[in-house]
Amino acid sequence: MDAVTHPPRNPLISLSTSSVYPESSSRAFAIARELGYDAIEVMVGMDATSRDVDALQRLRDYYEVPIASIHAPTLLLTQRTWGTDPWEKLERSAAAANRLGASVVVVHPPFRWQRSYAASFTTGIRQLSHATGLIFAVENMFPWRGPRTTEVRGYGPSWDPSELDIDHLTLDLSHAATARQQSLDLVEAWGDRLAHVHLTDGQDGASDQHLLPGQGNQRADEVLAELARRQFTGQIVLEVKTNGSDNPGARLQQLADALEFTRTHSRLPQEDKL
């Protein structure tokens, strides 16, 4: 597949390193370069490379693909990545972002058992942002559902950052689907607090699917059109699951199709005038 080049865009369309799993973070840089993604979001903890700032710097420079955002290791599977203290994780994520030239750190809300962290979360996030000059964008999550659809409280103070005194938010379309919300409603409700987008898709249900955009019920095409209408200047990050692909070629094609979908449905006013 020939490399595709595009003029710089605002907003950036980035590729999350998690989108190439089970391939490595280094492979994500190669794919982003080949397909014409504008930048990379590093999901810290996916593999050893994602935790090695020196290695990430070398990959950025070799492939000439900027790193625009860092996803802090705040998932269940990364509870021991970069230590166990949640504030240390965020401080190390900020240090990595500043060294690598990224402007955004993506953060999940605290788990309910992280009581001290949760109690100071909103104040601490704002202080970190001011101290580092970075955007700390808190991501929407979803209620955990047990047997017979009983909701289990997994996050504190809330899985829904709409309810928190947070300046910058990340919209994940798959998480919205799992929470049985509509992403367009969140775009409207959040207004200027929307700083970052994880473009994906999903269906109502108990599992977080991270489908390719357009394969679920989140009207991803309309979300992109609305972002363009609002002249959204944050980042749009393709964060999808391609591990169902049985060969690297199929994965590459899925990520090429996802990029084309995003470009097609996020035509910005200045592009229409070209």
C-alpha atoms as a PDB file:
ATOM      1  CA  MET A   1       0.000   0.000   0.000  1.00  0.00           C
ATOM      2  CA  ASP A   2       1.544   3.345  -1.053  1.00  0.00           C
ATOM      3  CA  ALA A   3       2.122   5.983   1.597  1.00  0.00           C
ATOM      4  CA  VAL A   4      -0.451   8.770   1.565  1.00  0.00           C
ATOM      5  CA  THR A   5       0.419  12.336   2.463  1.00  0.00           C
ATOM      6  CA  HIS A   6      -2.016  15.047   3.482  1.00  0.00           C
ATOM      7  CA  PRO A   7      -1.581  18.711   4.336  1.00  0.00           C
ATOM      8  CA  PRO A   8      -1.540  19.547   8.065  1.00  0.00           C
ATOM      9  CA  ARG A   9      -5.008  19.552   9.587  1.00  0.00           C
ATOM     10  CA  ASN A  10      -6.687  21.195  12.499  1.00  0.00           C
ATOM     11  CA  PRO A  11      -7.769  19.165  14.376  1.00  0.00           C
ATOM     12  CA  LEU A  12      -5.115  16.474  14.193  1.00  0.00           C
ATOM     13  CA  ILE A  13      -6.201  12.936  13.357  1.00  0.00           C
ATOM     14  CA  SER A  14      -4.053  10.607  15.425  1.00  0.00           C
ATOM     15  CA  LEU A  15      -3.618   6.864  15.751  1.00  0.00           C
ATOM     16  CA  SER A  16      -3.614   5.310  19.211  1.00  0.00           C
ATOM     17  CA  THR A  17      -0.900   2.725  19.711  1.00  0.00           C
ATOM     18  CA  SER A  18      -3.621   0.514  21.237  1.00  0.00           C
ATOM     19  CA  SER A  19      -5.278   0.281  17.805  1.00  0.00           C
ATOM     20  CA  VAL A  20      -2.570  -2.027  16.464  1.00  0.00           C
ATOM     21  CA  TYR A  21      -2.674  -4.522  19.366  1.00  0.00           C
ATOM     22  CA  PRO A  22      -1.416  -7.274  19.488  1.00  0.00           C
ATOM     23  CA  GLU A  23       1.269  -5.684  17.340  1.00  0.00           C
ATOM     24  CA  SER A  24       3.743  -3.398  19.089  1.00  0.00           C
ATOM     25  CA  SER A  25       3.702   0.327  19.737  1.00  0.00           C
ATOM     26  CA  SER A  26       6.609   0.680  17.312  1.00  0.00           C
ATOM     27  CA  ARG A  27       4.415  -0.824  14.591  1.00  0.00           C
ATOM     28  CA  ALA A  28       1.850   1.908  15.241  1.00  0.00           C
ATOM     29  CA  PHE A  29       4.399   4.539  14.207  1.00  0.00           C
ATOM     30  CA  ALA A  30       5.131   2.684  10.966  1.00  0.00           C
ATOM     31  CA  ILE A  31       1.427   2.364  10.174  1.00  0.00           C
ATOM     32  CA  ALA A  32       0.724   6.011  10.996  1.00  0.00           C
ATOM     33  CA  ARG A  33       3.511   7.055   8.643  1.00  0.00           C
ATOM     34  CA  GLU A  34       2.397   4.738   5.850  1.00  0.00           C
ATOM     35  CA  LEU A  35      -1.292   5.643   5.974  1.00  0.00           C
ATOM     36  CA  GLY A  36      -0.928   9.382   6.571  1.00  0.00           C
ATOM     37  CA  TYR A  37      -2.142   9.823  10.134  1.00  0.00           C
ATOM     38  CA  ASP A  38      -1.108  13.207  11.504  1.00  0.00           C
ATOM     39  CA  ALA A  39       0.175  12.011  14.864  1.00  0.00           C
ATOM     40  CA  ILE A  40       0.303   9.272  17.497  1.00  0.00           C
ATOM     41  CA  GLU A  41      -1.336   8.840  20.894  1.00  0.00           C
ATOM     42  CA  VAL A  42       0.750   6.577  23.123  1.00  0.00           C
ATOM     43  CA  MET A  43      -1.235   4.208  25.353  1.00  0.00           C
ATOM     44  CA  VAL A  44       1.251   3.791  28.192  1.00  0.00           C
ATOM     45  CA  GLY A  45       1.466   0.206  29.386  1.00  0.00           C
ATOM     46  CA  MET A  46       0.515  -1.630  26.202  1.00  0.00           C
ATOM     47  CA  ASP A  47       4.077  -2.951  25.849  1.00  0.00           C
ATOM     48  CA  ALA A  48       7.592  -2.167  27.054  1.00  0.00           C
ATOM     49  CA  THR A  49       8.157   0.408  24.292  1.00  0.00           C
ATOM     50  CA  SER A  50       5.155   2.456  25.410  1.00  0.00           C
ATOM     51  CA  ARG A  51       6.791   2.852  28.845  1.00  0.00           C
ATOM     52  CA  ASP A  52      10.222   3.825  27.480  1.00  0.00           C
ATOM     53  CA  VAL A  53      10.392   7.548  26.743  1.00  0.00           C
ATOM     54  CA  ASP A  54      13.795   7.261  25.062  1.00  0.00           C
ATOM     55  CA  ALA A  55      12.465   4.583  22.699  1.00  0.00           C
ATOM     56  CA  LEU A  56       9.370   6.665  21.922  1.00  0.00           C
ATOM     57  CA  GLN A  57      11.548   9.655  21.119  1.00  0.00           C
ATOM     58  CA  ARG A  58      13.611   7.574  18.701  1.00  0.00           C
ATOM     59  CA  LEU A  59      10.466   6.232  17.004  1.00  0.00           C
ATOM     60  CA  ARG A  60       9.002   9.722  16.709  1.00  0.00           C
ATOM     61  CA  ASP A  61      12.157  11.035  15.080  1.00  0.00           C
ATOM     62  CA  TYR A  62      12.777   8.026  12.828  1.00  0.00           C
ATOM     63  CA  TYR A  63       9.242   7.901  11.391  1.00  0.00           C
ATOM     64  CA  GLU A  64       8.766  11.682  11.560  1.00  0.00           C
ATOM     65  CA  VAL A  65       5.346  11.208  13.157  1.00  0.00           C
ATOM     66  CA  PRO A  66       4.723  13.529  16.124  1.00  0.00           C
ATOM     67  CA  ILE A  67       3.384  12.284  19.443  1.00  0.00           C
ATOM     68  CA  ALA A  68       0.424  14.533  20.179  1.00  0.00           C
ATOM     69  CA  SER A  69      -0.983  12.893  23.314  1.00  0.00           C
ATOM     70  CA  ILE A  70      -0.166  10.479  26.111  1.00  0.00           C
ATOM     71  CA  HIS A  71      -2.774   8.139  27.603  1.00  0.00           C
ATOM     72  CA  ALA A  72      -1.776   7.795  31.246  1.00  0.00           C
ATOM     73  CA  PRO A  73      -1.625   4.232  32.666  1.00  0.00           C
ATOM     74  CA  THR A  74      -4.911   4.513  34.580  1.00  0.00           C
ATOM     75  CA  LEU A  75      -6.599   1.334  33.326  1.00  0.00           C
ATOM     76  CA  LEU A  76      -7.247  -1.768  35.413  1.00  0.00           C
ATOM     77  CA  LEU A  77      -4.598  -3.617  33.410  1.00  0.00           C
ATOM     78  CA  THR A  78      -1.964  -0.921  34.031  1.00  0.00           C
ATOM     79  CA  GLN A  79      -2.395  -0.415  37.772  1.00  0.00           C
ATOM     80  CA  ARG A  80       1.301  -1.170  38.376  1.00  0.00           C
ATOM     81  CA  THR A  81       2.694   0.662  35.343  1.00  0.00           C
ATOM     82  CA  TRP A  82       4.887   3.588  36.425  1.00  0.00           C
ATOM     83  CA  GLY A  83       4.275   2.809  40.074  1.00  0.00           C
ATOM     84  CA  THR A  84       1.081   2.292  42.041  1.00  0.00           C
ATOM     85  CA  ASP A  85       0.559   5.870  43.270  1.00  0.00           C
ATOM     86  CA  PRO A  86      -1.969   7.471  40.875  1.00  0.00           C
ATOM     87  CA  TRP A  87      -0.483  10.950  41.210  1.00  0.00           C
ATOM     88  CA  GLU A  88       2.981   9.596  40.409  1.00  0.00           C
ATOM     89  CA  LYS A  89       1.526   8.017  37.264  1.00  0.00           C
ATOM     90  CA  LEU A  90       0.110  11.358  36.159  1.00  0.00           C
ATOM     91  CA  GLU A  91       3.308  13.243  36.978  1.00  0.00           C
ATOM     92  CA  ARG A  92       5.363  10.749  34.962  1.00  0.00           C
ATOM     93  CA  SER A  93       2.851  10.975  32.111  1.00  0.00           C
ATOM     94  CA  ALA A  94       3.185  14.759  32.151  1.00  0.00           C
ATOM     95  CA  ALA A  95       6.983  14.546  32.138  1.00  0.00           C
ATOM     96  CA  ALA A  96       6.841  12.164  29.168  1.00  0.00           C
ATOM     97  CA  ALA A  97       4.388  14.417  27.319  1.00  0.00           C
ATOM     98  CA  ASN A  98       6.547  17.501  27.780  1.00  0.00           C
ATOM     99  CA  ARG A  99       9.679  15.682  26.693  1.00  0.00           C
ATOM    100  CA  LEU A 100       7.986  14.171  23.634  1.00  0.00           C
ATOM    101  CA  GLY A 101       6.189  17.338  22.562  1.00  0.00           C
ATOM    102  CA  ALA A 102       2.663  16.133  23.343  1.00  0.00           C
ATOM    103  CA  SER A 103       0.059  18.627  24.520  1.00  0.00           C
ATOM    104  CA  VAL A 104      -2.580  16.323  26.050  1.00  0.00           C
ATOM    105  CA  VAL A 105      -2.597  13.705  28.808  1.00  0.00           C
ATOM    106  CA  VAL A 106      -5.687  11.474  28.833  1.00  0.00           C
ATOM    107  CA  VAL A 107      -6.847  10.318  32.266  1.00  0.00           C
ATOM    108  CA  HIS A 108      -9.568   7.938  33.463  1.00  0.00           C
ATOM    109  CA  PRO A 109     -11.616   8.795  36.564  1.00  0.00           C
ATOM    110  CA  PRO A 110     -10.388   7.178  39.808  1.00  0.00           C
ATOM    111  CA  PHE A 111     -11.552   3.727  40.821  1.00  0.00           C
ATOM    112  CA  ARG A 112     -13.879   3.733  43.812  1.00  0.00           C
ATOM    113  CA  TRP A 113     -11.269   2.051  46.031  1.00  0.00           C
ATOM    114  CA  GLN A 114      -8.798   4.903  45.394  1.00  0.00           C
ATOM    115  CA  ARG A 115     -10.545   7.011  48.010  1.00  0.00           C
ATOM    116  CA  SER A 116      -7.815   9.540  48.764  1.00  0.00           C
ATOM    117  CA  TYR A 117      -7.077  10.033  45.059  1.00  0.00           C
ATOM    118  CA  ALA A 118     -10.785  10.426  44.267  1.00  0.00           C
ATOM    119  CA  ALA A 119     -11.274  12.984  47.063  1.00  0.00           C
ATOM    120  CA  SER A 120      -8.618  15.296  45.604  1.00  0.00           C
ATOM    121  CA  PHE A 121      -9.048  14.366  41.946  1.00  0.00           C
ATOM    122  CA  THR A 122     -10.673  17.481  40.489  1.00  0.00           C
ATOM    123  CA  THR A 123      -8.433  19.885  42.386  1.00  0.00           C
ATOM    124  CA  GLY A 124      -5.315  17.852  41.663  1.00  0.00           C
ATOM    125  CA  ILE A 125      -6.018  17.595  37.943  1.00  0.00           C
ATOM    126  CA  ARG A 126      -6.423  21.352  37.681  1.00  0.00           C
ATOM    127  CA  GLN A 127      -3.222  21.968  39.632  1.00  0.00           C
ATOM    128  CA  LEU A 128      -1.275  19.529  37.439  1.00  0.00           C
ATOM    129  CA  SER A 129      -2.536  21.211  34.300  1.00  0.00           C
ATOM    130  CA  HIS A 130      -1.475  24.637  35.539  1.00  0.00           C
ATOM    131  CA  ALA A 131       1.910  23.378  36.733  1.00  0.00           C
ATOM    132  CA  THR A 132       2.815  21.514  33.537  1.00  0.00           C
ATOM    133  CA  GLY A 133       1.129  23.605  30.847  1.00  0.00           C
ATOM    134  CA  LEU A 134      -0.628  20.487  29.557  1.00  0.00           C
ATOM    135  CA  ILE A 135      -4.263  19.633  28.954  1.00  0.00           C
ATOM    136  CA  PHE A 136      -5.367  16.848  31.294  1.00  0.00           C
ATOM    137  CA  ALA A 137      -8.488  15.530  29.566  1.00  0.00           C
ATOM    138  CA  VAL A 138     -10.618  13.225  31.732  1.00  0.00           C
ATOM    139  CA  GLU A 139     -12.324  10.458  29.786  1.00  0.00           C
ATOM    140  CA  ASN A 140     -15.962   9.377  30.038  1.00  0.00           C
ATOM    141  CA  MET A 141     -16.325   5.833  31.315  1.00  0.00           C
ATOM    142  CA  PHE A 142     -19.400   3.679  32.030  1.00  0.00           C
ATOM    143  CA  PRO A 143     -21.117   1.845  34.874  1.00  0.00           C
ATOM    144  CA  TRP A 144     -20.028  -1.729  35.457  1.00  0.00           C
ATOM    145  CA  ARG A 145     -22.965  -4.096  35.150  1.00  0.00           C
ATOM    146  CA  GLY A 146     -23.271  -7.335  37.048  1.00  0.00           C
ATOM    147  CA  PRO A 147     -25.794 -10.181  36.665  1.00  0.00           C
ATOM    148  CA  ARG A 148     -29.320  -9.125  35.667  1.00  0.00           C
ATOM    149  CA  THR A 149     -27.904  -5.729  34.559  1.00  0.00           C
ATOM    150  CA  THR A 150     -27.261  -4.639  38.166  1.00  0.00           C
ATOM    151  CA  GLU A 151     -24.939  -1.638  38.148  1.00  0.00           C
ATOM    152  CA  VAL A 152     -21.708  -1.956  40.128  1.00  0.00           C
ATOM    153  CA  ARG A 153     -19.998   1.232  41.246  1.00  0.00           C
ATOM    154  CA  GLY A 154     -16.530   0.998  39.723  1.00  0.00           C
ATOM    155  CA  TYR A 155     -15.455   4.628  39.744  1.00  0.00           C
ATOM    156  CA  GLY A 156     -15.429   7.432  42.282  1.00  0.00           C
ATOM    157  CA  PRO A 157     -16.661  10.072  42.491  1.00  0.00           C
ATOM    158  CA  SER A 158     -18.304   9.148  39.151  1.00  0.00           C
ATOM    159  CA  TRP A 159     -17.744   7.305  35.884  1.00  0.00           C
ATOM    160  CA  ASP A 160     -19.359  10.295  34.146  1.00  0.00           C
ATOM    161  CA  PRO A 161     -17.025  13.323  34.072  1.00  0.00           C
ATOM    162  CA  SER A 162     -19.987  15.499  33.089  1.00  0.00           C
ATOM    163  CA  GLU A 163     -20.733  15.522  36.813  1.00  0.00           C
ATOM    164  CA  LEU A 164     -17.228  16.603  37.844  1.00  0.00           C
ATOM    165  CA  ASP A 165     -15.657  20.052  38.072  1.00  0.00           C
ATOM    166  CA  ILE A 166     -13.190  19.291  35.289  1.00  0.00           C
ATOM    167  CA  ASP A 167     -12.018  21.808  32.687  1.00  0.00           C
ATOM    168  CA  HIS A 168     -11.118  19.392  29.863  1.00  0.00           C
ATOM    169  CA  LEU A 169     -12.857  16.172  28.858  1.00  0.00           C
ATOM    170  CA  THR A 170     -12.162  13.276  26.478  1.00  0.00           C
ATOM    171  CA  LEU A 171     -15.135  11.806  24.620  1.00  0.00           C
ATOM    172  CA  ASP A 172     -14.859   8.077  23.895  1.00  0.00           C
ATOM    173  CA  LEU A 173     -17.696   6.923  21.631  1.00  0.00           C
ATOM    174  CA  SER A 174     -17.437   3.273  22.658  1.00  0.00           C
ATOM    175  CA  HIS A 175     -17.657   4.194  26.336  1.00  0.00           C
ATOM    176  CA  ALA A 176     -20.714   6.324  25.606  1.00  0.00           C
ATOM    177  CA  ALA A 177     -22.360   3.327  23.935  1.00  0.00           C
ATOM    178  CA  THR A 178     -21.591   1.061  26.889  1.00  0.00           C
ATOM    179  CA  ALA A 179     -23.055   3.719  29.217  1.00  0.00           C
ATOM    180  CA  ARG A 180     -26.152   3.844  26.972  1.00  0.00           C
ATOM    181  CA  GLN A 181     -25.558   7.465  26.135  1.00  0.00           C
ATOM    182  CA  GLN A 182     -25.363   9.213  22.782  1.00  0.00           C
ATOM    183  CA  SER A 183     -22.104  10.924  21.898  1.00  0.00           C
ATOM    184  CA  LEU A 184     -23.868  13.758  20.078  1.00  0.00           C
ATOM    185  CA  ASP A 185     -25.678  14.593  23.313  1.00  0.00           C
ATOM    186  CA  LEU A 186     -22.352  14.699  25.150  1.00  0.00           C
ATOM    187  CA  VAL A 187     -20.808  16.979  22.518  1.00  0.00           C
ATOM    188  CA  GLU A 188     -23.720  19.365  23.067  1.00  0.00           C
ATOM    189  CA  ALA A 189     -23.684  19.098  26.866  1.00  0.00           C
ATOM    190  CA  TRP A 190     -19.930  19.493  27.278  1.00  0.00           C
ATOM    191  CA  GLY A 191     -19.480  22.452  24.950  1.00  0.00           C
ATOM    192  CA  ASP A 192     -16.035  24.024  25.326  1.00  0.00           C
ATOM    193  CA  ARG A 193     -15.005  21.412  27.904  1.00  0.00           C
ATOM    194  CA  LEU A 194     -14.666  18.860  25.082  1.00  0.00           C
ATOM    195  CA  ALA A 195     -10.925  18.849  24.406  1.00  0.00           C
ATOM    196  CA  HIS A 196     -10.154  15.404  22.996  1.00  0.00           C
ATOM    197  CA  VAL A 197     -11.976  12.624  21.128  1.00  0.00           C
ATOM    198  CA  HIS A 198     -11.401   8.880  20.996  1.00  0.00           C
ATOM    199  CA  LEU A 199     -13.093   8.032  17.723  1.00  0.00           C
ATOM    200  CA  THR A 200     -14.486   4.514  17.768  1.00  0.00           C
ATOM    201  CA  ASP A 201     -17.978   3.002  18.054  1.00  0.00           C
ATOM    202  CA  GLY A 202     -20.058   0.565  20.047  1.00  0.00           C
ATOM    203  CA  GLN A 203     -23.453  -0.911  20.788  1.00  0.00           C
ATOM    204  CA  ASP A 204     -25.465  -0.735  24.012  1.00  0.00           C
ATOM    205  CA  GLY A 205     -24.398  -3.567  26.247  1.00  0.00           C
ATOM    206  CA  ALA A 206     -22.163  -4.754  29.025  1.00  0.00           C
ATOM    207  CA  SER A 207     -18.913  -4.789  27.052  1.00  0.00           C
ATOM    208  CA  ASP A 208     -16.678  -1.977  25.800  1.00  0.00           C
ATOM    209  CA  GLN A 209     -16.321  -2.897  22.121  1.00  0.00           C
ATOM    210  CA  HIS A 210     -14.221  -0.188  20.447  1.00  0.00           C
ATOM    211  CA  LEU A 211     -15.623  -0.948  17.021  1.00  0.00           C
ATOM    212  CA  LEU A 212     -14.507   0.826  13.890  1.00  0.00           C
ATOM    213  CA  PRO A 213     -16.366   4.142  13.486  1.00  0.00           C
ATOM    214  CA  GLY A 214     -19.637   3.594  11.678  1.00  0.00           C
ATOM    215  CA  GLN A 215     -20.119   0.024  12.930  1.00  0.00           C
ATOM    216  CA  GLY A 216     -22.080   0.906  16.082  1.00  0.00           C
ATOM    217  CA  ASN A 217     -24.956   3.100  17.197  1.00  0.00           C
ATOM    218  CA  GLN A 218     -23.039   6.276  18.057  1.00  0.00           C
ATOM    219  CA  ARG A 219     -23.599   8.018  14.697  1.00  0.00           C
ATOM    220  CA  ALA A 220     -19.887   8.648  14.390  1.00  0.00           C
ATOM    221  CA  ASP A 221     -20.352  10.386  11.036  1.00  0.00           C
ATOM    222  CA  GLU A 222     -22.711  12.931  12.620  1.00  0.00           C
ATOM    223  CA  VAL A 223     -20.377  13.433  15.569  1.00  0.00           C
ATOM    224  CA  LEU A 224     -17.531  14.282  13.185  1.00  0.00           C
ATOM    225  CA  ALA A 225     -19.748  16.633  11.188  1.00  0.00           C
ATOM    226  CA  GLU A 226     -20.819  18.393  14.387  1.00  0.00           C
ATOM    227  CA  LEU A 227     -17.215  18.760  15.509  1.00  0.00           C
ATOM    228  CA  ALA A 228     -16.386  20.309  12.153  1.00  0.00           C
ATOM    229  CA  ARG A 229     -19.359  22.668  12.434  1.00  0.00           C
ATOM    230  CA  ARG A 230     -18.107  23.748  15.853  1.00  0.00           C
ATOM    231  CA  GLN A 231     -14.576  24.170  14.445  1.00  0.00           C
ATOM    232  CA  PHE A 232     -13.266  21.759  17.050  1.00  0.00           C
ATOM    233  CA  THR A 233      -9.544  22.304  17.549  1.00  0.00           C
ATOM    234  CA  GLY A 234      -8.718  19.349  19.802  1.00  0.00           C
ATOM    235  CA  GLN A 235      -7.413  15.977  18.665  1.00  0.00           C
ATOM    236  CA  ILE A 236      -9.391  13.143  17.066  1.00  0.00           C
ATOM    237  CA  VAL A 237      -7.728   9.834  17.945  1.00  0.00           C
ATOM    238  CA  LEU A 238      -8.616   6.514  16.295  1.00  0.00           C
ATOM    239  CA  GLU A 239      -8.798   4.130  19.253  1.00  0.00           C
ATOM    240  CA  VAL A 240     -10.259   0.885  17.918  1.00  0.00           C
ATOM    241  CA  LYS A 241      -9.858  -2.846  18.389  1.00  0.00           C
ATOM    242  CA  THR A 242      -8.329  -4.604  15.402  1.00  0.00           C
ATOM    243  CA  ASN A 243      -7.135  -7.727  17.221  1.00  0.00           C
ATOM    244  CA  GLY A 244      -9.926  -9.649  15.520  1.00  0.00           C
ATOM    245  CA  SER A 245      -8.010  -9.282  12.272  1.00  0.00           C
ATOM    246  CA  ASP A 246      -6.306 -12.560  11.425  1.00  0.00           C
ATOM    247  CA  ASN A 247      -3.420 -10.946   9.546  1.00  0.00           C
ATOM    248  CA  PRO A 248      -1.492  -7.655   9.598  1.00  0.00           C
ATOM    249  CA  GLY A 249      -2.703  -6.786   6.113  1.00  0.00           C
ATOM    250  CA  ALA A 250      -6.332  -6.869   7.210  1.00  0.00           C
ATOM    251  CA  ARG A 251      -5.483  -4.690  10.220  1.00  0.00           C
ATOM    252  CA  LEU A 252      -3.726  -2.189   7.973  1.00  0.00           C
ATOM    253  CA  GLN A 253      -6.774  -1.994   5.715  1.00  0.00           C
ATOM    254  CA  GLN A 254      -9.107  -1.450   8.682  1.00  0.00           C
ATOM    255  CA  LEU A 255      -6.987   1.442   9.905  1.00  0.00           C
ATOM    256  CA  ALA A 256      -6.814   2.904   6.404  1.00  0.00           C
ATOM    257  CA  ASP A 257     -10.614   2.692   6.121  1.00  0.00           C
ATOM    258  CA  ALA A 258     -11.041   4.294   9.558  1.00  0.00           C
ATOM    259  CA  LEU A 259      -8.804   7.194   8.557  1.00  0.00           C
ATOM    260  CA  GLU A 260     -10.724   7.686   5.311  1.00  0.00           C
ATOM    261  CA  PHE A 261     -14.028   7.617   7.242  1.00  0.00           C
ATOM    262  CA  THR A 262     -12.718  10.285   9.590  1.00  0.00           C
ATOM    263  CA  ARG A 263     -11.456  12.539   6.823  1.00  0.00           C
ATOM    264  CA  THR A 264     -14.657  12.138   4.818  1.00  0.00           C
ATOM    265  CA  HIS A 265     -16.999  13.059   7.663  1.00  0.00           C
ATOM    266  CA  SER A 266     -14.926  15.786   9.296  1.00  0.00           C
ATOM    267  CA  ARG A 267     -14.611  18.158   6.389  1.00  0.00           C
ATOM    268  CA  LEU A 268     -13.714  21.467   7.923  1.00  0.00           C
ATOM    269  CA  PRO A 269     -14.995  24.779   6.510  1.00  0.00           C
ATOM    270  CA  GLN A 270     -11.529  25.860   5.353  1.00  0.00           C
ATOM    271  CA  GLU A 271     -11.086  22.557   3.495  1.00  0.00           C
ATOM    272  CA  ASP A 272     -14.325  23.058   1.567  1.00  0.00           C
ATOM    273  CA  LYS A 273     -12.932  26.314   0.210  1.00  0.00           C
ATOM    274  CA  LEU A 274      -9.803  24.694  -1.245  1.00  0.00           C
END
